[in-house]
């Protein structure tokens, strides 16, 4: 850790103590200004956004890794992420210095400050990266156990391979959308177990899945695995992920090759990418792994991150009633609960020779904890619909209904500040006529 992690450090841009974006965070994203439609890279500080393309044009990124690169005027983070950890550290250190209360570079230059630092309400946040490939893991033991218990019974909850490798599948990158994008209820085939023919129509079991995703920085050559002790050097940062799921569609289609239409209609990510550098003070030990993984999955030191995670739901009826407008928190869990670590996911993903590329998204899979209030999906919260969730207005939910809004958030809690992710939100729209 270095001075960018100093909990006493303050910015000249004031913000509440519980802000997700203090000077110790400095996440990266992509935004569009009201006065200029061209997307550009930005960072967040309090309730303001800093246009890094403006600072770049002013020559304020003058270190050896960034001089002349022009990566912040790009419409996505990919060019910056591809530079690797030395460039990421240099950019973070430079921003921390420029925004420090003791630094006068921006404070004493009102025209530049006004051009570069904007209220967050005056910009549109966009998808932060061009997503090349998307992999969804299944790395929470509690989630896998809950789902397995529902469908196979407690004695066969985990499949024989689960404790030996990070299970995953390849998702659909084209339908990854940024927070705030409405999600259309998907159509698909379902089967109620009666008769031979399936039905076709809108899913009746639309669900959220609380996940955290990693964006890949430098990739690896085809055929060259990434060792587990080098895996995090290939990860730029993390985002919140809601990997929406149509449970009834999935039950019918997933045998024998896995989910398809049930997962490909939308995956929501938060707009701010919190770097691993910002998360470094919050490293912690993950769950004990028994049996001991094979050597290529064995990593030394703390491999998990202490990130508090929450999910809230707000129905359309709640939004129409002033006293009931506050979204209902339905899940509180922690990223550190994940059985298979991010480093192990990267190592396993590449051990067969697969080449990761800059901008690839690796999602954790649903993150659930050991208690009922820490379950990361409605499938688990309502136990396959048998224990409906009761909303503040008296309505019940087994699965999501049209008009429901899902809000995910996450943060690391320091002594004096939070390092947060903001939110990943989406509202369910009715299905199209099929």
Protein backbone atom coordinates (compact mmCIF):
# COMPACT_ATOMS: atom_id res chain seq x y z
CA UNK A 1 0.00 0.00 0.00
CA UNK A 2 1.06 3.61 -0.54
CA UNK A 3 -0.02 7.18 0.20
CA UNK A 4 -3.11 6.85 -2.03
CA UNK A 5 -4.53 4.55 0.67
CA UNK A 6 -3.88 6.98 3.55
CA UNK A 7 -7.19 7.16 5.47
CA UNK A 8 -6.34 10.71 6.59
CA UNK A 9 -5.98 12.01 3.04
CA UNK A 10 -8.68 14.48 1.98
CA UNK A 11 -9.77 16.03 -1.29
CA UNK A 12 -10.58 19.67 -1.88
CA UNK A 13 -13.92 18.37 -3.19
CA UNK A 14 -15.97 17.81 -0.06
CA UNK A 15 -18.36 14.87 0.35
CA UNK A 16 -20.22 13.02 3.13
CA UNK A 17 -18.31 10.52 5.25
CA UNK A 18 -20.36 7.66 3.79
CA UNK A 19 -19.71 8.62 0.16
CA UNK A 20 -18.71 5.68 -2.00
CA UNK A 21 -16.18 7.83 -3.81
CA UNK A 22 -13.61 9.42 -1.49
CA UNK A 23 -10.09 10.21 -2.64
CA UNK A 24 -9.04 6.72 -1.48
CA UNK A 25 -11.23 5.15 -4.19
CA UNK A 26 -10.90 6.96 -7.54
CA UNK A 27 -12.74 4.42 -9.71
CA UNK A 28 -12.67 4.61 -13.50
CA UNK A 29 -15.63 4.83 -15.83
CA UNK A 30 -16.83 6.30 -19.11
CA UNK A 31 -19.17 9.24 -19.37
CA UNK A 32 -20.84 11.57 -21.84
CA UNK A 33 -21.07 15.28 -21.02
CA UNK A 34 -24.12 17.39 -21.75
CA UNK A 35 -21.97 19.83 -23.71
CA UNK A 36 -20.06 17.18 -25.68
CA UNK A 37 -21.53 13.86 -26.91
CA UNK A 38 -18.16 12.14 -27.31
CA UNK A 39 -17.61 9.48 -24.62
CA UNK A 40 -14.47 9.85 -22.53
CA UNK A 41 -12.85 8.27 -19.46
CA UNK A 42 -13.65 9.76 -16.07
CA UNK A 43 -13.33 9.20 -12.35
CA UNK A 44 -15.63 9.91 -9.42
CA UNK A 45 -14.93 12.02 -6.34
CA UNK A 46 -17.84 12.53 -3.96
CA UNK A 47 -20.85 13.56 -6.03
CA UNK A 48 -18.66 14.93 -8.83
CA UNK A 49 -17.15 13.43 -11.96
CA UNK A 50 -13.68 14.32 -13.20
CA UNK A 51 -13.21 14.35 -16.98
CA UNK A 52 -9.82 12.72 -17.47
CA UNK A 53 -9.72 13.60 -21.16
CA UNK A 54 -9.58 17.28 -20.12
CA UNK A 55 -6.72 16.64 -17.69
CA UNK A 56 -4.94 14.56 -20.32
CA UNK A 57 -5.25 17.35 -22.91
CA UNK A 58 -3.84 19.77 -20.33
CA UNK A 59 -0.73 17.62 -19.98
CA UNK A 60 -1.38 16.63 -16.39
CA UNK A 61 -0.68 12.92 -16.95
CA UNK A 62 3.02 13.39 -17.54
CA UNK A 63 4.53 10.24 -16.07
CA UNK A 64 6.55 7.69 -18.05
CA UNK A 65 3.67 5.23 -18.44
CA UNK A 66 1.05 7.69 -19.69
CA UNK A 67 2.78 10.54 -21.53
CA UNK A 68 1.51 10.69 -25.11
CA UNK A 69 -0.81 7.69 -24.70
CA UNK A 70 -4.12 9.57 -25.11
CA UNK A 71 -6.04 6.73 -23.47
CA UNK A 72 -8.51 8.93 -21.58
CA UNK A 73 -10.13 10.47 -24.64
CA UNK A 74 -11.19 6.98 -25.75
CA UNK A 75 -14.85 5.81 -25.69
CA UNK A 76 -14.03 2.82 -23.44
CA UNK A 77 -11.50 1.84 -20.78
CA UNK A 78 -9.92 -0.89 -22.91
CA UNK A 79 -6.87 1.07 -24.11
CA UNK A 80 -6.06 2.15 -20.55
CA UNK A 81 -6.70 -1.31 -19.09
CA UNK A 82 -4.36 -2.88 -21.65
CA UNK A 83 -1.39 -0.85 -20.36
CA UNK A 84 -1.05 -2.90 -17.19
CA UNK A 85 -0.47 -2.30 -13.51
CA UNK A 86 2.41 0.25 -13.71
CA UNK A 87 0.20 2.61 -15.79
CA UNK A 88 -2.81 2.03 -13.53
CA UNK A 89 -0.76 2.89 -10.45
CA UNK A 90 0.69 5.96 -12.11
CA UNK A 91 -2.75 7.27 -13.08
CA UNK A 92 -4.16 6.61 -9.63
CA UNK A 93 -1.24 8.32 -7.90
CA UNK A 94 -1.48 11.33 -10.21
CA UNK A 95 -5.22 11.72 -9.65
CA UNK A 96 -4.79 11.34 -5.90
CA UNK A 97 -2.23 14.13 -5.97
CA UNK A 98 -4.27 16.47 -8.20
CA UNK A 99 -7.41 16.08 -6.07
CA UNK A 100 -5.63 16.37 -2.71
CA UNK A 101 -6.65 19.32 -0.55
CA UNK A 102 -2.98 20.38 -0.37
CA UNK A 103 -2.47 20.45 -4.16
CA UNK A 104 -3.23 23.77 -5.89
CA UNK A 105 -2.88 22.72 -9.54
CA UNK A 106 -6.65 22.50 -10.10
CA UNK A 107 -7.75 24.60 -7.14
CA UNK A 108 -5.87 27.66 -8.41
CA UNK A 109 -6.97 27.26 -12.03
CA UNK A 110 -10.74 28.03 -12.03
CA UNK A 111 -11.22 27.67 -15.83
CA UNK A 112 -9.56 24.24 -15.93
CA UNK A 113 -11.33 23.15 -12.76
CA UNK A 114 -14.71 24.16 -14.17
CA UNK A 115 -14.01 22.33 -17.41
CA UNK A 116 -12.72 19.14 -15.79
CA UNK A 117 -14.84 18.71 -12.66
CA UNK A 118 -18.59 18.37 -13.17
CA UNK A 119 -21.56 17.54 -10.93
CA UNK A 120 -22.41 13.87 -11.42
CA UNK A 121 -25.96 14.88 -12.43
CA UNK A 122 -24.52 16.63 -15.49
CA UNK A 123 -23.03 13.53 -17.11
CA UNK A 124 -24.40 10.25 -18.43
CA UNK A 125 -22.49 7.19 -17.28
CA UNK A 126 -21.94 4.58 -19.99
CA UNK A 127 -20.82 0.96 -20.16
CA UNK A 128 -17.21 1.24 -18.95
CA UNK A 129 -15.58 -1.22 -21.34
CA UNK A 130 -16.04 -2.97 -24.64
CA UNK A 131 -16.85 -6.48 -23.40
CA UNK A 132 -15.21 -9.05 -25.65
CA UNK A 133 -16.10 -12.25 -23.84
CA UNK A 134 -18.17 -12.91 -20.74
CA UNK A 135 -17.67 -15.85 -18.38
CA UNK A 136 -20.00 -16.55 -15.46
CA UNK A 137 -18.66 -18.69 -12.62
CA UNK A 138 -20.54 -20.58 -9.93
CA UNK A 139 -18.18 -19.96 -7.02
CA UNK A 140 -20.33 -19.51 -3.90
CA UNK A 141 -20.55 -22.73 -1.93
CA UNK A 142 -23.65 -21.55 -0.07
CA UNK A 143 -25.44 -20.66 -3.30
CA UNK A 144 -24.49 -23.93 -4.99
CA UNK A 145 -25.57 -25.87 -1.91
CA UNK A 146 -28.92 -24.08 -1.70
CA UNK A 147 -29.71 -24.63 -5.37
CA UNK A 148 -28.51 -28.22 -5.30
CA UNK A 149 -30.59 -28.95 -2.22
CA UNK A 150 -33.73 -27.61 -3.90
CA UNK A 151 -33.35 -29.70 -7.02
CA UNK A 152 -31.40 -32.80 -5.91
CA UNK A 153 -31.77 -32.97 -2.14
CA UNK A 154 -29.31 -32.17 0.66
CA UNK A 155 -27.31 -35.38 0.21
CA UNK A 156 -26.49 -34.55 -3.43
CA UNK A 157 -26.43 -30.75 -3.25
CA UNK A 158 -22.89 -30.31 -4.63
CA UNK A 159 -21.85 -32.11 -7.78
CA UNK A 160 -18.68 -34.24 -7.43
CA UNK A 161 -16.49 -31.71 -9.25
CA UNK A 162 -17.58 -28.60 -7.33
CA UNK A 163 -14.98 -28.70 -4.53
CA UNK A 164 -12.17 -29.35 -7.03
CA UNK A 165 -12.56 -26.57 -9.60
CA UNK A 166 -14.33 -23.25 -10.22
CA UNK A 167 -17.35 -24.24 -12.30
CA UNK A 168 -18.25 -21.74 -15.03
CA UNK A 169 -19.87 -21.23 -18.41
CA UNK A 170 -19.57 -18.77 -21.25
CA UNK A 171 -22.26 -16.09 -21.26
CA UNK A 172 -23.38 -13.54 -23.80
CA UNK A 173 -21.25 -10.37 -23.97
CA UNK A 174 -23.55 -8.48 -26.34
CA UNK A 175 -26.33 -8.20 -23.75
CA UNK A 176 -24.16 -6.76 -20.95
CA UNK A 177 -25.73 -3.37 -20.16
CA UNK A 178 -24.89 -0.50 -17.84
CA UNK A 179 -26.83 0.26 -14.67
CA UNK A 180 -30.12 2.03 -15.30
CA UNK A 181 -30.89 0.19 -18.53
CA UNK A 182 -34.42 -1.30 -18.35
CA UNK A 183 -34.64 -5.08 -18.65
CA UNK A 184 -37.31 -6.57 -20.88
CA UNK A 185 -38.95 -9.75 -19.52
CA UNK A 186 -37.71 -12.49 -21.85
CA UNK A 187 -39.70 -15.01 -23.84
CA UNK A 188 -38.82 -18.66 -23.96
CA UNK A 189 -39.92 -22.25 -23.70
CA UNK A 190 -40.99 -23.67 -20.35
CA UNK A 191 -42.33 -27.02 -19.22
CA UNK A 192 -44.49 -27.63 -16.16
CA UNK A 193 -43.72 -31.33 -15.99
CA UNK A 194 -47.12 -32.28 -17.39
CA UNK A 195 -47.45 -33.67 -20.90
CA UNK A 196 -44.86 -33.90 -23.62
CA UNK A 197 -44.92 -30.47 -25.25
CA UNK A 198 -43.49 -27.27 -23.74
CA UNK A 199 -45.23 -23.91 -23.56
CA UNK A 200 -43.91 -20.68 -25.06
CA UNK A 201 -44.27 -17.24 -23.53
CA UNK A 202 -42.84 -14.76 -21.03
CA UNK A 203 -40.88 -16.17 -18.14
CA UNK A 204 -42.92 -16.40 -14.95
CA UNK A 205 -39.83 -16.83 -12.77
CA UNK A 206 -37.64 -13.80 -13.46
CA UNK A 207 -34.86 -13.50 -10.88
CA UNK A 208 -31.85 -11.39 -9.99
CA UNK A 209 -28.41 -12.78 -9.18
CA UNK A 210 -26.05 -10.78 -6.95
CA UNK A 211 -22.54 -11.06 -8.37
CA UNK A 212 -19.24 -9.20 -8.61
CA UNK A 213 -17.42 -9.05 -11.93
CA UNK A 214 -13.76 -8.60 -12.83
CA UNK A 215 -12.58 -6.74 -15.92
CA UNK A 216 -9.46 -8.15 -17.53
CA UNK A 217 -6.52 -5.84 -18.25
CA UNK A 218 -3.62 -7.40 -20.15
CA UNK A 219 -4.52 -10.80 -21.54
CA UNK A 220 -2.43 -13.89 -22.17
CA UNK A 221 -1.29 -15.56 -25.40
CA UNK A 222 -3.31 -18.49 -26.67
CA UNK A 223 -1.92 -21.67 -25.13
CA UNK A 224 -0.12 -19.91 -22.27
CA UNK A 225 -1.82 -20.28 -18.87
CA UNK A 226 -1.75 -17.55 -16.24
CA UNK A 227 -0.25 -18.87 -12.98
CA UNK A 228 -2.44 -18.35 -9.94
CA UNK A 229 0.17 -16.18 -8.22
CA UNK A 230 0.20 -13.82 -11.23
CA UNK A 231 -3.53 -13.85 -11.89
CA UNK A 232 -4.44 -10.55 -10.21
CA UNK A 233 -1.86 -8.69 -12.34
CA UNK A 234 -4.27 -9.36 -15.21
CA UNK A 235 -7.31 -7.90 -13.40
CA UNK A 236 -7.94 -4.16 -13.72
CA UNK A 237 -10.83 -3.86 -11.30
CA UNK A 238 -14.25 -4.99 -10.15
CA UNK A 239 -17.88 -4.04 -10.88
CA UNK A 240 -21.22 -5.05 -9.45
CA UNK A 241 -23.11 -7.54 -11.61
CA UNK A 242 -26.78 -8.53 -11.77
CA UNK A 243 -26.90 -11.60 -13.97
CA UNK A 244 -30.68 -11.70 -14.49
CA UNK A 245 -32.10 -15.18 -14.82
CA UNK A 246 -35.32 -16.77 -16.13
CA UNK A 247 -35.54 -19.76 -13.83
CA UNK A 248 -38.38 -21.62 -15.55
CA UNK A 249 -36.76 -21.23 -18.97
CA UNK A 250 -33.47 -22.42 -17.52
CA UNK A 251 -34.94 -25.57 -15.96
CA UNK A 252 -36.24 -26.72 -19.34
CA UNK A 253 -33.31 -25.77 -21.57
CA UNK A 254 -30.14 -26.27 -19.52
CA UNK A 255 -29.85 -30.06 -19.96
CA UNK A 256 -27.37 -31.10 -21.30
CA UNK A 257 -25.31 -28.01 -22.20
CA UNK A 258 -26.31 -25.34 -19.69
CA UNK A 259 -28.30 -22.08 -19.70
CA UNK A 260 -28.91 -20.25 -22.97
CA UNK A 261 -31.95 -17.98 -23.42
CA UNK A 262 -32.48 -18.00 -19.65
CA UNK A 263 -29.33 -15.91 -19.15
CA UNK A 264 -28.58 -14.19 -22.44
CA UNK A 265 -31.26 -11.46 -22.40
CA UNK A 266 -29.48 -9.04 -20.00
CA UNK A 267 -26.61 -8.73 -17.55
CA UNK A 268 -26.40 -5.42 -15.67
CA UNK A 269 -23.07 -3.98 -14.49
CA UNK A 270 -22.29 -0.90 -12.42
CA UNK A 271 -20.68 1.98 -14.34
CA UNK A 272 -17.71 2.52 -12.00
CA UNK A 273 -14.79 0.08 -12.03
CA UNK A 274 -13.13 -0.04 -8.62
CA UNK A 275 -9.48 -0.89 -9.13
CA UNK A 276 -7.71 -3.66 -7.26
CA UNK A 277 -5.31 -0.94 -6.06
CA UNK A 278 -8.17 0.78 -4.23
CA UNK A 279 -9.30 -2.55 -2.78
CA UNK A 280 -5.86 -3.58 -1.53
CA UNK A 281 -6.42 -2.43 2.11
CA UNK A 282 -9.49 -4.68 2.26
CA UNK A 283 -7.84 -7.98 1.36
CA UNK A 284 -8.79 -10.80 3.70
CA UNK A 285 -8.73 -14.57 3.95
CA UNK A 286 -11.40 -16.49 2.09
CA UNK A 287 -13.14 -19.70 3.19
CA UNK A 288 -11.05 -22.71 4.13
CA UNK A 289 -10.81 -25.04 1.13
CA UNK A 290 -11.14 -28.76 1.80
CA UNK A 291 -10.05 -30.85 0.01
CA UNK A 292 -6.89 -28.92 -0.83
CA UNK A 293 -7.10 -27.75 -4.47
CA UNK A 294 -4.73 -29.11 -7.07
CA UNK A 295 -1.36 -27.30 -7.22
CA UNK A 296 -2.28 -24.96 -10.08
CA UNK A 297 -5.09 -23.53 -7.90
CA UNK A 298 -3.04 -23.08 -4.72
CA UNK A 299 -2.25 -19.44 -3.89
CA UNK A 300 -0.41 -17.93 -0.93
CA UNK A 301 -1.66 -15.05 1.18
CA UNK A 302 -5.05 -13.40 1.53
CA UNK A 303 -6.98 -13.86 -1.71
CA UNK A 304 -10.44 -12.49 -0.81
CA UNK A 305 -11.76 -8.93 -0.46
CA UNK A 306 -14.03 -7.67 2.32
CA UNK A 307 -16.81 -6.11 0.22
CA UNK A 308 -20.23 -5.69 1.85
CA UNK A 309 -23.01 -6.36 -0.67
CA UNK A 310 -26.72 -5.57 -0.57
CA UNK A 311 -29.76 -6.06 -2.81
CA UNK A 312 -32.97 -4.03 -2.54
CA UNK A 313 -36.28 -4.37 -4.39
CA UNK A 314 -38.83 -1.64 -5.08
CA UNK A 315 -42.13 -2.44 -6.75
CA UNK A 316 -44.05 -0.04 -8.98
CA UNK A 317 -46.76 0.17 -6.28
CA UNK A 318 -44.14 1.14 -3.70
CA UNK A 319 -42.88 3.95 -5.94
CA UNK A 320 -46.41 5.36 -6.19
CA UNK A 321 -46.82 5.55 -2.39
CA UNK A 322 -44.70 8.21 -0.69
CA UNK A 323 -44.35 6.46 2.67
CA UNK A 324 -43.37 3.18 1.00
CA UNK A 325 -40.90 4.53 -1.57
CA UNK A 326 -37.80 3.27 0.23
CA UNK A 327 -36.61 0.08 -1.50
CA UNK A 328 -36.77 -3.05 0.65
CA UNK A 329 -33.37 -4.59 1.38
CA UNK A 330 -33.72 -8.32 0.77
CA UNK A 331 -30.11 -9.51 0.94
CA UNK A 332 -26.95 -8.59 2.86
CA UNK A 333 -23.84 -10.65 2.19
CA UNK A 334 -20.10 -10.25 1.52
CA UNK A 335 -17.77 -10.93 -1.39
CA UNK A 336 -15.35 -12.62 1.02
CA UNK A 337 -17.86 -15.51 1.28
CA UNK A 338 -16.87 -16.65 -2.21
CA UNK A 339 -15.33 -20.14 -2.03
CA UNK A 340 -13.29 -19.90 -5.23
CA UNK A 341 -11.20 -16.71 -5.34
CA UNK A 342 -10.78 -14.38 -8.28
CA UNK A 343 -7.17 -15.51 -8.72
CA UNK A 344 -8.29 -19.14 -8.85
CA UNK A 345 -10.96 -18.30 -11.40
CA UNK A 346 -8.39 -16.65 -13.69
CA UNK A 347 -5.90 -19.50 -13.26
CA UNK A 348 -8.50 -22.17 -13.99
CA UNK A 349 -9.96 -20.25 -16.93
CA UNK A 350 -6.58 -20.18 -18.67
CA UNK A 351 -4.98 -23.46 -17.54
CA UNK A 352 -6.25 -25.26 -20.63
CA UNK A 353 -4.75 -22.61 -22.91
CA UNK A 354 -7.68 -20.18 -23.22
CA UNK A 355 -6.54 -16.65 -23.97
CA UNK A 356 -8.18 -13.86 -21.98
CA UNK A 357 -8.35 -10.48 -23.69
CA UNK A 358 -8.56 -6.91 -22.49
CA UNK A 359 -12.15 -6.08 -21.57
CA UNK A 360 -13.27 -9.63 -20.87
CA UNK A 361 -15.75 -9.84 -17.99
CA UNK A 362 -15.45 -12.64 -15.43
CA UNK A 363 -18.44 -12.76 -13.08
CA UNK A 364 -18.33 -14.53 -9.73
CA UNK A 365 -21.67 -16.29 -9.88
CA UNK A 366 -24.37 -15.61 -7.31
CA UNK A 367 -22.90 -14.70 -3.91
CA UNK A 368 -24.81 -16.08 -0.95
CA UNK A 369 -23.91 -16.31 2.72
CA UNK A 370 -24.74 -18.85 5.41
CA UNK A 371 -27.94 -17.21 6.70
CA UNK A 372 -31.38 -16.76 5.07
CA UNK A 373 -30.94 -12.97 4.91
CA UNK A 374 -27.68 -13.37 2.96
CA UNK A 375 -29.05 -15.31 0.00
CA UNK A 376 -28.19 -13.62 -3.29
CA UNK A 377 -31.22 -14.55 -5.43
CA UNK A 378 -34.99 -14.76 -5.10
CA UNK A 379 -34.78 -18.45 -5.95
CA UNK A 380 -33.04 -18.90 -2.60
CA UNK A 381 -34.78 -16.13 -0.63
CA UNK A 382 -38.23 -17.57 -1.41
CA UNK A 383 -36.91 -21.14 -1.56
CA UNK A 384 -38.16 -21.78 -5.09
CA UNK A 385 -41.29 -19.74 -4.41
CA UNK A 386 -42.47 -21.72 -1.38
CA UNK A 387 -41.78 -18.87 1.08
CA UNK A 388 -42.89 -15.65 -0.64
CA UNK A 389 -41.15 -12.37 0.12
CA UNK A 390 -43.50 -9.82 1.68
CA UNK A 391 -43.16 -6.20 0.50
CA UNK A 392 -43.93 -3.18 2.73
CA UNK A 393 -47.30 -2.59 1.00
CA UNK A 394 -48.39 -6.18 1.69
CA UNK A 395 -47.71 -7.53 -1.81
CA UNK A 396 -45.81 -10.78 -2.14
CA UNK A 397 -43.02 -11.81 -4.45
CA UNK A 398 -41.94 -15.29 -5.40
CA UNK A 399 -40.12 -13.89 -8.42
CA UNK A 400 -39.87 -10.44 -10.02
CA UNK A 401 -42.93 -8.82 -11.56
CA UNK A 402 -43.17 -6.15 -14.24
CA UNK A 403 -42.29 -2.71 -12.88
CA UNK A 404 -40.03 -4.10 -10.12
CA UNK A 405 -36.74 -2.28 -9.68
CA UNK A 406 -33.67 -4.12 -8.37
CA UNK A 407 -30.85 -2.11 -6.79
CA UNK A 408 -27.50 -3.68 -5.93
CA UNK A 409 -24.77 -1.89 -4.04
CA UNK A 410 -21.46 -2.70 -2.40
CA UNK A 411 -18.65 -1.07 -0.45
CA UNK A 412 -15.56 -1.67 1.66
CA UNK A 413 -15.75 -0.01 5.06
CA UNK A 414 -12.60 1.69 6.31
CA UNK A 415 -12.05 3.44 9.63
CA UNK A 416 -12.67 6.90 8.16
CA UNK A 417 -14.13 6.27 4.72
CA UNK A 418 -15.86 3.86 2.36
CA UNK A 419 -14.55 2.57 -0.93
CA UNK A 420 -17.75 1.86 -2.82
CA UNK A 421 -19.13 0.74 -6.15
CA UNK A 422 -22.23 2.92 -6.38
CA UNK A 423 -25.16 0.88 -7.65
CA UNK A 424 -26.19 -1.55 -10.37
CA UNK A 425 -29.89 -0.99 -11.06
CA UNK A 426 -32.50 -2.23 -13.48
CA UNK A 427 -36.29 -2.08 -13.81
CA UNK A 428 -38.31 -4.91 -15.32
CA UNK A 429 -40.37 -4.06 -18.42
CA UNK A 430 -43.23 -6.22 -19.72
CA UNK A 431 -42.41 -8.87 -22.31
CA UNK A 432 -42.82 -8.07 -25.96
CA UNK A 433 -45.61 -9.80 -27.84
CA UNK A 434 -44.24 -13.12 -29.03
